[in-house]
Structure formats: C-alpha cells, structure tokens
Amino acid sequence: MQDSDIWNKFHLSGKKVVLLLAMLLVSYQAFSQRDRSINLANYDSRWLHYGFYLGTEAFQYRLKYSDLFIMPEMDSVISINPAVTFGPVNIGFVVNFRLTEFLNLRLLPKFGINERKIEYTYNGGQETQIIEAVTMGFPLLLKYKSVRRGNYRMYLVGGINPSVRVGGSKDTNKEEDKLTIKDSDLSIEFGFGLDIYYPFFKFSPEIRFSRGIVNNLSSDNNFYNKGINRLTTNSISLFLYFEGGR
C-alpha cells in the first residue's frame, strides 16, 4: 500500500517547523521590547469581533491503493500518485467570540476555487486526472493566545473544518472516464500565528495544517476509482487576517 504524503514532497521536516516557530518567537520578543505605545489597548476585552481573511494553500491528496490495483484488469497501470497543487487565493470571513482572557472561539466561513490532480502512470505514458471545484468551508477553531507583549501576541489554533463542493467539474465527473470524489469533506486543522495590533485594526499572519479524516473517494466503480481504496485531503495554508478595531 502506498501512502503519498505532502510532507515528503515539500521536505517539511519537524526541524524546519521548529526553526520557523523559533524565528517567530525571536521576532515577537524583539518587536515587543521595541514598541512603547499600545494600540487597541481594550481590543481583547470585547466579546465579539468581525473581520475577513485571504489565504492560499499547497495541497496534495493522501492515497492508499485498493486490492484491485494488482488485479489483471489494471495491469496497464504502474502507479497512481497524487500531485502537489498550489491553490489560488481563498476569501473568508471572521466571527470571533471571546471565551476567556486567553481563549477564543472562531467561526471562519470561506470560499475557494480549487484544482486537485492525480497522476496515472501506464506502461506507455502518463495521464493526469484533474478535479476542479468551487468549495465552501466552515472552519470552527479554538484560538489559544499568549500574554500580550506590547502590540504583539502569539497564538495557537485547532479545530475542525467541514466543507462542501458547490460547483466546478461536479457534473462532468459523473462520467465513467473520470476520477470521482464526494461532494463533502471533514478535516482536522491546527496551526500557529502572530497577532499584530495597529491603531485601527489587527493583522494576523497564520500558518495552518489540515488533515482529512474521512474518505473523499466516491463509491463509483469506474476504472480510475477501483485502484484506490482511500483518498483523504492534506494541505498547508497561509492565511492573512484583518480584524476591525472599533
């Protein structure tokens, strides 16, 4: 069984993630010591905030072969490999609820146009199955914040993201000569970021990791589906949040 993983494609080792976190922490400490004026001093005492965000992602399916892959009817297929794709900008909205001094609940509905690719390698060449879709996601995350230092504050996030396809190549994928996937998905998400307080708004860059927990492969028993047993989503995203200060 093959378990293709985005971490291997991008060579994102644990050491590099730790190094990135360390760099953010060093910058955080440097900025907090340098800034004297406090912007939006009462911002975090409010129970409700709104905002919007932009995001982009690197995506790759995680795939496991089915037992049918080794059957004679699929002898022409050498391998099935998910390809890495880089998504266009996603747009979303922020509804942030203050639970405690250090804990928030965030509802982050988003809209995106996505393209997913899976490559089929044959004895005589290669074919790429492309899945295009317009999706709506509804991430529900808990945000755990550090103590505020000047105009900067580190945080961690984690939660779930149910999503649904609302358009794209949904109809044409019902043909027998196409790989087909389900119209809904559910993933676990976790990440980290930095709140930066400006005089009139708060800006927050965030890195988030997403792992699908349900099989995204449809039950269609066509040629492209039968060699796969399980197909789950897997991505690394960069988000830029803009939340109002008044």
Foldseek 3Di string as FASTA:
>chain_A
DAWDDVCVVVVVDPVNVVVVVVVVVVVQVVVLVPDDDAALPCQLVDFKWKWKKKKKKKKWKTFDWDPCCPPPVNQFWPDKGWDIDIFDMKIWMWIWGRDDSFKIKIWIKIKGWDKTWMKTAGPVGIDIAIFIFIKIKIWIKMKGWDDDRRQKIKIKIWGKIKMFTDDGCQPVCVDLPHFDWDGIWMKIKIWMWMWGHDNWKIKIKIKMWIKTDAFGGDPDCHPVRNGTDGIIMTMIMIMIIIITSD
